[in-house]
C-alpha cells in the first residue's frame, strides 16, 4: 500500500441494530439524546466530518423508529436491516449489497458512542495509508471488565481480538481493549467477513474475528489508541448521563479557551450546535437548547433558558428569562427577569425588563415594554402578530390583542387593553374611569372588626 490510501474514498457503516434493553425506555437507545441530539446523529456527524462519501446505517427490525430517523437524514438507500441479529460481523455483512459499487475504505462505527469524533477515528486511515490492511481503534481501560482484549505484538501490531466471554485468565489481564471501530478496504472487509464463523460462547458472528483471519493471511493488522472517554459507549441511563457530562465538560472548556466567560461552568448546559462568541458572559445555571447563537459582548444572566434564538451584540438576557424558537434579540436590547419571548424580533436597544410575554411579532428599536405586558397572540385556533414601533412606550400591565400595531413613538397607558392600531406618536388608553368612594374603606374595616369581636365574645360563652 502507498500514501495514496489516505486519499481513497471513504464510507462508513454505522451499527445501530442493538436492542438497548438496559435503557429500560420505550425510546430506542440510539435515539436518546446527548446535548439535544440523538446518539445516532452524533455518529453520522462523525462520519460526515471524516469525509465519508457513503454512510450506511444498520438497524434492527425491532426498532422501525431508528430506520425512519436515519432515512429522514440520509435517504432510503442509506438504511439496511439486520434481521435476525446474529452479532456485529453479521451486522456489517448486512451492508454488503449497499456498498457493492463502492471502491474505497470502509470504517465501522457504532451509533451508541456519541463521544467518538472524527479526530479520534482519523488515525485509522493514517494506518491504512502507512500500509495496514486492517486498522482497529483500541483504548487502555481502567477496568477492562467485559471489553474484548487486543492481543498485540511490538509496534502495535495486532495479532487477534479476544472477546471477554472467550478469554482465559491470562488474556483477562490485558488492559488494551477493543472499541469495535475498524477500518479496511471494502472488498477485503467483506471477503474476510465471509469467512467468519460463530464458534464462540454466544454463537454469534463477531466483527472482531476479522483481525485474526487477516493476520492468518499474513496481512498487516495494526491498532491505534484513543482515550477511554473518547470511545465511551451508552448502554444504560446512567451511562447516558455520564456521556452527557463528558460532552458538556469538553464543550464548556472549549468555549472558555475561545474567550467565553463562564463563572460557574459546571452549571451551564449546552446544546450540540450552541454558538457563543468570544466576549460573551454566561452566568450560573443557564440552559441552551438547540439552535442558539450569541454575539460578542452579550450577557446571559443566571437561570435563563434559550432555544432556537439569536442574541445580538451587547444584549442583556435575564436573569430568569426564556427565549423560545424564533426570538431575535437585537444589539444592546434587554430581556429581563421572567420575560418570555417567542417568534419576536426585538430591535436594537429595546427593553422588556420585567414579567412580560412577547409572542409573534416585533418590537422596534429603543421601544420600552412595561412590566406585565402581554402579546395576546392566540384565539384558540390561530396565531396573530403584534408589532410595536421604534421608540414606542408600552405602559405596565398592557394587553396588546393581536393583530395590532403600535406606531413609532406611540404610548399606551398602564393597564390598557389595546385592540386597535395606535397611530405614530399617539397615546392609547383603554380602561374604565376610576371612582373614589369617600370613607368606604374605613367603614368596611369597622364592620369587619365588629363582626370579629362579636364572634369572639360568642365563643367565650
Protein backbone atom coordinates (compact mmCIF):
# COMPACT_ATOMS: atom_id res chain seq x y z
CA UNK A 1 0.00 0.00 0.00
CA UNK A 2 1.07 3.63 -0.55
CA UNK A 3 0.39 7.02 0.96
CA UNK A 4 -2.36 7.47 -1.62
CA UNK A 5 -4.53 5.26 0.60
CA UNK A 6 -5.20 8.28 2.80
CA UNK A 7 -6.88 9.94 -0.19
CA UNK A 8 -9.05 6.97 -1.11
CA UNK A 9 -12.83 7.37 -0.98
CA UNK A 10 -14.31 6.64 2.42
CA UNK A 11 -17.53 5.03 3.53
CA UNK A 12 -18.96 4.37 6.99
CA UNK A 13 -21.09 1.53 8.28
CA UNK A 14 -22.82 2.61 11.50
CA UNK A 15 -24.18 -0.22 13.62
CA UNK A 16 -27.49 0.78 15.17
CA UNK A 17 -29.34 -2.54 15.50
CA UNK A 18 -28.84 -3.17 19.22
CA UNK A 19 -31.86 -3.88 21.39
CA UNK A 20 -30.87 -1.41 24.11
CA UNK A 21 -32.85 -3.29 26.77
CA UNK A 22 -30.74 -1.90 29.61
CA UNK A 23 -32.07 1.59 28.86
CA UNK A 24 -35.49 0.37 30.05
CA UNK A 25 -37.13 3.01 27.90
CA UNK A 26 -39.73 2.97 25.10
CA UNK A 27 -37.34 5.20 23.15
CA UNK A 28 -34.79 3.18 21.15
CA UNK A 29 -31.34 3.50 22.68
CA UNK A 30 -29.69 5.31 19.77
CA UNK A 31 -32.49 7.90 19.66
CA UNK A 32 -31.76 9.03 23.19
CA UNK A 33 -30.07 12.40 23.19
CA UNK A 34 -26.75 13.90 24.17
CA UNK A 35 -26.63 17.71 24.06
CA UNK A 36 -30.08 17.72 22.48
CA UNK A 37 -29.03 15.45 19.59
CA UNK A 38 -29.76 11.75 19.04
CA UNK A 39 -26.85 9.38 19.64
CA UNK A 40 -27.26 8.17 16.06
CA UNK A 41 -26.89 11.72 14.76
CA UNK A 42 -23.63 12.14 16.66
CA UNK A 43 -22.33 9.04 14.86
CA UNK A 44 -23.49 10.36 11.49
CA UNK A 45 -21.88 13.72 12.24
CA UNK A 46 -18.55 11.99 12.86
CA UNK A 47 -18.82 10.03 9.60
CA UNK A 48 -19.60 13.17 7.65
CA UNK A 49 -16.70 15.03 9.30
CA UNK A 50 -14.41 12.19 8.16
CA UNK A 51 -15.46 12.93 4.60
CA UNK A 52 -17.32 9.66 4.08
CA UNK A 53 -18.89 9.70 0.64
CA UNK A 54 -21.28 6.90 1.62
CA UNK A 55 -22.89 6.23 5.00
CA UNK A 56 -24.88 3.07 5.70
CA UNK A 57 -26.83 2.64 8.94
CA UNK A 58 -27.60 -0.93 10.02
CA UNK A 59 -30.83 -1.09 12.01
CA UNK A 60 -32.87 -3.85 13.61
CA UNK A 61 -36.38 -4.87 12.57
CA UNK A 62 -37.43 -4.36 16.19
CA UNK A 63 -36.87 -0.56 16.03
CA UNK A 64 -38.56 0.94 12.95
CA UNK A 65 -38.20 4.39 14.52
CA UNK A 66 -34.41 4.14 14.18
CA UNK A 67 -34.70 3.34 10.49
CA UNK A 68 -37.14 6.21 9.98
CA UNK A 69 -34.79 8.62 11.74
CA UNK A 70 -31.83 7.54 9.60
CA UNK A 71 -33.85 7.69 6.36
CA UNK A 72 -35.01 11.23 7.09
CA UNK A 73 -31.42 12.37 7.37
CA UNK A 74 -29.59 10.18 4.84
CA UNK A 75 -32.21 8.81 2.46
CA UNK A 76 -33.71 5.39 1.81
CA UNK A 77 -30.57 3.83 0.32
CA UNK A 78 -28.57 4.54 3.47
CA UNK A 79 -30.53 2.15 5.70
CA UNK A 80 -30.25 -1.64 5.79
CA UNK A 81 -31.91 -4.09 8.19
CA UNK A 82 -30.17 -6.84 10.17
CA UNK A 83 -32.82 -9.46 10.82
CA UNK A 84 -32.38 -11.51 12.88
CA UNK A 85 -29.47 -10.07 14.88
CA UNK A 86 -26.55 -12.50 14.92
CA UNK A 87 -23.59 -10.44 16.04
CA UNK A 88 -21.52 -7.47 14.88
CA UNK A 89 -19.92 -9.31 11.96
CA UNK A 90 -23.34 -10.32 10.70
CA UNK A 91 -24.49 -6.70 11.09
CA UNK A 92 -21.68 -5.36 8.90
CA UNK A 93 -22.43 -8.02 6.28
CA UNK A 94 -25.94 -6.59 6.07
CA UNK A 95 -24.37 -3.52 4.44
CA UNK A 96 -22.54 -5.53 1.76
CA UNK A 97 -25.09 -5.04 -1.00
CA UNK A 98 -25.48 -1.33 -0.23
CA UNK A 99 -21.74 -0.84 -0.77
CA UNK A 100 -21.29 -3.29 -3.65
CA UNK A 101 -20.41 -0.50 -6.09
CA UNK A 102 -18.13 1.37 -3.67
CA UNK A 103 -14.37 1.30 -4.19
CA UNK A 104 -12.51 2.59 -1.17
CA UNK A 105 -12.05 2.26 2.57
CA UNK A 106 -14.85 1.41 4.98
CA UNK A 107 -14.87 2.35 8.65
CA UNK A 108 -17.24 0.55 11.01
CA UNK A 109 -18.56 2.66 13.90
CA UNK A 110 -21.33 2.44 16.49
CA UNK A 111 -24.43 4.57 16.95
CA UNK A 112 -24.24 4.33 20.74
CA UNK A 113 -20.81 6.01 21.05
CA UNK A 114 -21.63 9.75 20.97
CA UNK A 115 -18.15 10.90 22.03
CA UNK A 116 -16.45 9.15 19.12
CA UNK A 117 -15.36 12.10 16.96
CA UNK A 118 -13.78 12.27 13.52
CA UNK A 119 -10.47 13.29 15.11
CA UNK A 120 -10.42 10.08 17.15
CA UNK A 121 -11.17 7.88 14.13
CA UNK A 122 -8.85 9.60 11.64
CA UNK A 123 -5.67 7.77 12.82
CA UNK A 124 -7.16 4.53 11.45
CA UNK A 125 -6.95 5.99 7.96
CA UNK A 126 -3.37 7.09 8.70
CA UNK A 127 -2.59 3.45 9.50
CA UNK A 128 -4.21 2.40 6.25
CA UNK A 129 -2.08 4.93 4.38
CA UNK A 130 1.07 3.60 6.03
CA UNK A 131 0.40 0.00 5.00
CA UNK A 132 -2.14 -1.53 7.36
CA UNK A 133 -4.71 -3.74 5.65
CA UNK A 134 -6.93 -3.72 8.74
CA UNK A 135 -6.79 -0.92 11.34
CA UNK A 136 -8.52 -1.16 14.71
CA UNK A 137 -9.17 1.53 17.31
CA UNK A 138 -8.26 0.49 20.84
CA UNK A 139 -8.05 2.05 24.28
CA UNK A 140 -6.49 1.22 27.61
CA UNK A 141 -9.27 0.59 30.09
CA UNK A 142 -9.05 1.39 33.76
CA UNK A 143 -11.33 -1.62 34.32
CA UNK A 144 -11.20 -3.95 31.28
CA UNK A 145 -14.15 -5.98 32.56
CA UNK A 146 -16.32 -7.19 29.69
CA UNK A 147 -14.36 -5.50 26.90
CA UNK A 148 -12.72 -7.51 24.16
CA UNK A 149 -8.91 -7.60 24.50
CA UNK A 150 -6.36 -6.62 21.86
CA UNK A 151 -3.50 -9.10 21.68
CA UNK A 152 -0.54 -7.11 20.40
CA UNK A 153 2.98 -7.69 19.16
CA UNK A 154 5.61 -4.92 19.35
CA UNK A 155 4.82 -1.80 17.33
CA UNK A 156 1.07 -2.05 17.91
CA UNK A 157 0.90 -4.96 15.50
CA UNK A 158 -2.44 -6.58 16.23
CA UNK A 159 -2.47 -10.37 16.34
CA UNK A 160 -6.09 -11.01 17.28
CA UNK A 161 -9.00 -9.78 19.36
CA UNK A 162 -10.45 -11.98 22.09
CA UNK A 163 -13.94 -11.33 23.40
CA UNK A 164 -14.17 -11.23 27.18
CA UNK A 165 -16.52 -14.23 27.31
CA UNK A 166 -13.97 -16.29 25.40
CA UNK A 167 -10.88 -15.05 27.29
CA UNK A 168 -8.83 -17.21 29.63
CA UNK A 169 -7.27 -15.83 32.82
CA UNK A 170 -4.07 -14.64 31.12
CA UNK A 171 -5.96 -12.74 28.41
CA UNK A 172 -8.19 -11.14 31.03
CA UNK A 173 -5.09 -9.45 32.48
CA UNK A 174 -4.63 -7.46 29.25
CA UNK A 175 -5.72 -3.83 29.57
CA UNK A 176 -5.61 -2.97 25.86
CA UNK A 177 -9.26 -3.15 24.84
CA UNK A 178 -11.26 -3.07 21.64
CA UNK A 179 -13.52 -0.11 20.86
CA UNK A 180 -15.14 -2.03 18.00
CA UNK A 181 -14.17 0.63 15.44
CA UNK A 182 -12.35 -0.86 12.46
CA UNK A 183 -11.23 0.32 9.00
CA UNK A 184 -10.31 -1.72 5.93
CA UNK A 185 -10.67 -1.81 2.18
CA UNK A 186 -14.29 -2.51 1.28
CA UNK A 187 -13.61 -5.60 -0.85
CA UNK A 188 -11.19 -7.07 1.68
CA UNK A 189 -13.52 -6.42 4.62
CA UNK A 190 -16.48 -8.25 3.11
CA UNK A 191 -14.28 -11.03 1.78
CA UNK A 192 -12.94 -11.73 5.28
CA UNK A 193 -16.39 -11.41 6.84
CA UNK A 194 -17.50 -14.22 4.57
CA UNK A 195 -15.08 -16.49 6.45
CA UNK A 196 -16.16 -15.51 9.96
CA UNK A 197 -17.83 -18.32 11.87
CA UNK A 198 -19.90 -18.42 15.03
CA UNK A 199 -17.97 -20.98 17.10
CA UNK A 200 -17.90 -18.92 20.29
CA UNK A 201 -19.62 -18.56 23.65
CA UNK A 202 -22.51 -16.55 22.19
CA UNK A 203 -22.89 -18.41 18.90
CA UNK A 204 -22.58 -15.07 17.06
CA UNK A 205 -20.58 -13.80 14.09
CA UNK A 206 -18.04 -11.40 15.61
CA UNK A 207 -16.60 -8.50 13.65
CA UNK A 208 -13.50 -8.88 15.81
CA UNK A 209 -12.68 -12.20 14.10
CA UNK A 210 -11.71 -10.18 11.03
CA UNK A 211 -8.38 -9.38 12.69
CA UNK A 212 -7.40 -12.99 13.36
CA UNK A 213 -8.36 -14.08 9.86
CA UNK A 214 -6.44 -11.18 8.29
CA UNK A 215 -3.38 -11.95 10.40
CA UNK A 216 -3.63 -15.59 9.36
CA UNK A 217 -3.46 -14.45 5.74
CA UNK A 218 -0.26 -12.58 6.60
CA UNK A 219 -1.99 -9.25 6.05
CA UNK A 220 -0.97 -6.20 8.06
CA UNK A 221 -3.19 -5.62 11.10
CA UNK A 222 -2.46 -2.59 13.27
CA UNK A 223 -4.03 -0.74 16.19
CA UNK A 224 -4.35 2.92 17.06
CA UNK A 225 -5.23 4.02 20.58
CA UNK A 226 -7.56 6.69 21.93
CA UNK A 227 -8.53 7.91 25.39
CA UNK A 228 -11.09 5.69 27.07
CA UNK A 229 -13.61 8.53 27.38
CA UNK A 230 -13.49 9.07 23.60
CA UNK A 231 -14.87 5.60 22.88
CA UNK A 232 -17.33 5.51 25.78
CA UNK A 233 -20.49 3.65 24.85
CA UNK A 234 -24.02 4.15 26.15
CA UNK A 235 -25.96 1.09 27.33
CA UNK A 236 -27.93 2.43 30.30
CA UNK A 237 -29.46 5.64 31.59
CA UNK A 238 -26.51 6.07 33.96
CA UNK A 239 -24.04 5.74 31.07
CA UNK A 240 -26.12 8.22 29.04
CA UNK A 241 -25.80 10.75 31.86
CA UNK A 242 -22.07 10.05 32.18
CA UNK A 243 -21.53 10.61 28.45
CA UNK A 244 -23.56 13.82 28.64
CA UNK A 245 -21.32 15.06 31.45
CA UNK A 246 -18.17 14.34 29.43
CA UNK A 247 -19.58 16.06 26.34
CA UNK A 248 -20.68 19.12 28.32
CA UNK A 249 -17.33 19.49 30.08
CA UNK A 250 -15.42 19.27 26.81
CA UNK A 251 -17.59 21.88 25.13
CA UNK A 252 -17.53 24.28 28.07
CA UNK A 253 -13.75 24.05 28.24
CA UNK A 254 -13.52 24.71 24.51
CA UNK A 255 -15.72 27.81 24.85
CA UNK A 256 -13.59 29.20 27.66
CA UNK A 257 -10.45 28.66 25.57
CA UNK A 258 -12.21 30.63 22.80
CA UNK A 259 -12.85 33.58 25.14
CA UNK A 260 -16.28 32.96 26.64
CA UNK A 261 -16.62 33.82 30.34
CA UNK A 262 -18.30 31.11 32.42
CA UNK A 263 -18.07 31.97 36.15
CA UNK A 264 -19.55 28.57 37.10
CA UNK A 265 -19.06 26.40 34.01
CA UNK A 266 -20.28 23.19 35.60
CA UNK A 267 -23.78 24.72 35.90
CA UNK A 268 -24.16 25.70 32.23
CA UNK A 269 -25.85 23.21 29.89
CA UNK A 270 -25.09 23.48 26.17
CA UNK A 271 -26.64 22.01 23.02
CA UNK A 272 -24.73 20.32 20.23
CA UNK A 273 -24.97 23.41 17.99
CA UNK A 274 -24.73 26.24 20.55
CA UNK A 275 -22.71 29.14 19.14
CA UNK A 276 -21.28 31.62 21.64
CA UNK A 277 -18.84 34.29 20.52
CA UNK A 278 -15.74 35.44 22.39
CA UNK A 279 -16.53 38.17 24.89
CA UNK A 280 -19.88 36.72 25.97
CA UNK A 281 -20.57 36.10 29.67
CA UNK A 282 -22.84 33.24 30.64
CA UNK A 283 -23.77 33.19 34.32
CA UNK A 284 -24.81 30.28 36.51
CA UNK A 285 -27.50 27.72 35.67
CA UNK A 286 -28.17 28.77 32.08
CA UNK A 287 -29.62 26.16 29.70
CA UNK A 288 -29.12 26.32 25.94
CA UNK A 289 -31.45 24.25 23.79
CA UNK A 290 -30.66 23.62 20.13
CA UNK A 291 -30.40 26.49 17.66
CA UNK A 292 -28.92 29.30 19.76
CA UNK A 293 -26.29 31.82 18.72
CA UNK A 294 -24.99 34.61 20.97
CA UNK A 295 -22.94 37.52 19.64
CA UNK A 296 -19.94 39.12 21.32
CA UNK A 297 -20.45 41.28 24.40
CA UNK A 298 -23.81 39.81 25.32
CA UNK A 299 -24.51 38.76 28.90
CA UNK A 300 -26.76 35.82 29.67
CA UNK A 301 -27.66 36.14 33.33
CA UNK A 302 -28.41 33.32 35.73
CA UNK A 303 -31.28 30.82 35.39
CA UNK A 304 -32.18 31.73 31.81
CA UNK A 305 -33.32 29.24 29.17
CA UNK A 306 -32.64 29.80 25.46
CA UNK A 307 -33.73 27.68 22.49
CA UNK A 308 -33.90 28.47 18.78
CA UNK A 309 -32.92 32.08 19.43
CA UNK A 310 -30.32 34.62 18.33
CA UNK A 311 -28.86 37.21 20.69
CA UNK A 312 -27.18 40.32 19.31
CA UNK A 313 -24.02 42.09 20.40
CA UNK A 314 -24.11 43.61 23.86
CA UNK A 315 -27.61 42.34 24.64
CA UNK A 316 -28.58 41.58 28.23
CA UNK A 317 -30.70 38.49 28.84
CA UNK A 318 -32.15 37.54 32.21
CA UNK A 319 -31.94 36.58 34.96
CA UNK A 320 -34.78 34.08 34.68
CA UNK A 321 -35.51 34.94 31.04
CA UNK A 322 -36.85 32.50 28.48
CA UNK A 323 -36.11 32.82 24.77
CA UNK A 324 -38.11 30.40 22.64
CA UNK A 325 -37.72 29.49 18.94
CA UNK A 326 -37.83 32.49 16.64
CA UNK A 327 -36.69 35.01 19.24
CA UNK A 328 -34.27 37.50 17.66
CA UNK A 329 -32.79 39.88 20.19
CA UNK A 330 -31.06 42.92 18.72
CA UNK A 331 -27.84 44.60 19.78
CA UNK A 332 -27.90 46.14 23.27
CA UNK A 333 -31.50 45.06 23.84
CA UNK A 334 -32.61 43.99 27.33
CA UNK A 335 -34.82 40.99 28.05
CA UNK A 336 -35.15 40.86 31.81
CA UNK A 337 -36.39 38.68 34.63
CA UNK A 338 -39.41 36.47 33.93
CA UNK A 339 -39.79 37.74 30.37
CA UNK A 340 -40.65 35.17 27.69
CA UNK A 341 -40.03 35.87 24.01
CA UNK A 342 -41.30 33.62 21.20
CA UNK A 343 -41.00 34.36 17.47
CA UNK A 344 -40.48 38.06 18.03
CA UNK A 345 -37.77 40.26 16.55
CA UNK A 346 -36.64 42.71 19.21
CA UNK A 347 -34.87 45.76 17.80
CA UNK A 348 -31.57 47.23 18.94
CA UNK A 349 -31.72 48.94 22.30
CA UNK A 350 -35.28 47.86 23.05
CA UNK A 351 -36.14 46.85 26.60
CA UNK A 352 -38.55 44.42 28.21
CA UNK A 353 -37.19 44.21 31.71
CA UNK A 354 -39.93 42.59 33.78
CA UNK A 355 -42.65 39.96 33.79
CA UNK A 356 -43.84 40.04 30.19
CA UNK A 357 -44.84 37.69 27.36
CA UNK A 358 -43.90 38.69 23.81
CA UNK A 359 -45.17 36.18 21.29
CA UNK A 360 -45.35 36.54 17.48
CA UNK A 361 -44.43 39.92 16.07
CA UNK A 362 -41.79 42.58 16.51
CA UNK A 363 -40.55 45.26 18.86
CA UNK A 364 -38.89 48.28 17.27
CA UNK A 365 -35.56 49.83 18.18
CA UNK A 366 -35.43 51.52 21.60
CA UNK A 367 -39.03 50.66 22.40
CA UNK A 368 -39.85 50.08 26.08
CA UNK A 369 -42.13 47.26 27.15
CA UNK A 370 -43.56 47.83 30.63
CA UNK A 371 -43.83 45.16 33.31
CA UNK A 372 -46.74 42.77 32.90
CA UNK A 373 -47.24 43.39 29.18
CA UNK A 374 -48.79 40.55 27.20
CA UNK A 375 -48.93 40.00 23.45
CA UNK A 376 -52.32 38.26 23.19
CA UNK A 377 -51.42 36.24 20.09
CA UNK A 378 -53.77 33.22 20.15
CA UNK A 379 -57.53 32.93 19.87
CA UNK A 380 -57.66 29.19 20.48
CA UNK A 381 -57.32 28.38 16.77
CA UNK A 382 -54.87 30.74 15.06
CA UNK A 383 -51.85 32.88 15.92
CA UNK A 384 -51.73 36.60 15.14
CA UNK A 385 -48.96 39.18 15.25
CA UNK A 386 -48.29 42.26 17.34
CA UNK A 387 -45.90 44.93 16.09
CA UNK A 388 -44.57 47.64 18.38
CA UNK A 389 -42.87 50.53 16.60
CA UNK A 390 -39.48 52.10 17.23
CA UNK A 391 -39.34 54.26 20.36
CA UNK A 392 -42.83 53.24 21.49
CA UNK A 393 -43.64 53.05 25.20
CA UNK A 394 -45.95 50.29 26.38
CA UNK A 395 -47.32 51.02 29.84
CA UNK A 396 -47.19 48.40 32.56
CA UNK A 397 -49.84 45.68 32.54
CA UNK A 398 -50.92 46.38 28.97
CA UNK A 399 -52.59 43.64 26.94
CA UNK A 400 -51.97 44.03 23.20
CA UNK A 401 -54.61 41.96 21.42
CA UNK A 402 -53.30 40.76 18.07
CA UNK A 403 -53.46 41.54 15.25
CA UNK A 404 -52.45 45.04 16.26
CA UNK A 405 -49.78 47.64 15.52
CA UNK A 406 -48.39 50.29 17.84
CA UNK A 407 -46.88 53.12 15.81
CA UNK A 408 -43.41 54.57 16.18
CA UNK A 409 -43.15 56.73 19.29
CA UNK A 410 -46.67 55.88 20.43
CA UNK A 411 -47.62 55.15 24.06
CA UNK A 412 -50.19 53.01 25.84
CA UNK A 413 -51.49 53.81 29.28
CA UNK A 414 -50.83 51.33 32.06
CA UNK A 415 -53.50 48.68 32.42
CA UNK A 416 -54.86 49.21 28.91
CA UNK A 417 -56.30 46.52 26.67
CA UNK A 418 -55.33 47.58 23.15
CA UNK A 419 -57.46 46.06 20.39
CA UNK A 420 -56.95 48.64 17.62
CA UNK A 421 -53.90 50.02 15.86
CA UNK A 422 -52.31 53.04 17.55
CA UNK A 423 -51.01 55.79 15.23
CA UNK A 424 -47.46 57.11 15.46
CA UNK A 425 -46.93 59.44 18.40
CA UNK A 426 -50.41 58.83 19.84
CA UNK A 427 -51.44 57.79 23.37
CA UNK A 428 -53.87 54.89 23.64
CA UNK A 429 -55.96 54.44 26.78
CA UNK A 430 -58.43 51.62 27.31
CA UNK A 431 -59.60 51.34 30.91
CA UNK A 432 -62.67 52.21 32.94
CA UNK A 433 -62.98 55.54 34.75
CA UNK A 434 -61.76 55.45 38.35
CA UNK A 435 -64.33 56.27 41.07
CA UNK A 436 -63.43 57.10 44.68
CA UNK A 437 -65.97 56.45 47.45
CA UNK A 438 -65.09 58.61 50.46
CA UNK A 439 -64.92 56.78 53.79
CA UNK A 440 -65.83 53.40 52.28
CA UNK A 441 -62.59 51.67 53.33
CA UNK A 442 -62.85 52.99 56.92
CA UNK A 443 -66.47 51.80 57.24
CA UNK A 444 -65.59 48.41 55.73
CA UNK A 445 -62.83 47.80 58.27
CA UNK A 446 -65.08 48.88 61.17
CA UNK A 447 -67.79 46.44 60.07
CA UNK A 448 -65.31 43.55 59.78
CA UNK A 449 -63.77 44.28 63.18
CA UNK A 450 -67.19 44.45 64.83
CA UNK A 451 -68.15 41.05 63.40
CA UNK A 452 -64.88 39.56 64.57
CA UNK A 453 -65.34 40.90 68.12
CA UNK A 454 -68.92 39.59 68.27
CA UNK A 455 -67.77 36.13 67.18
CA UNK A 456 -65.01 36.05 69.81
CA UNK A 457 -67.47 37.02 72.55
CA UNK A 458 -69.85 34.24 71.48
CA UNK A 459 -67.04 31.64 71.55
CA UNK A 460 -66.21 32.54 75.19
CA UNK A 461 -69.80 31.91 76.33
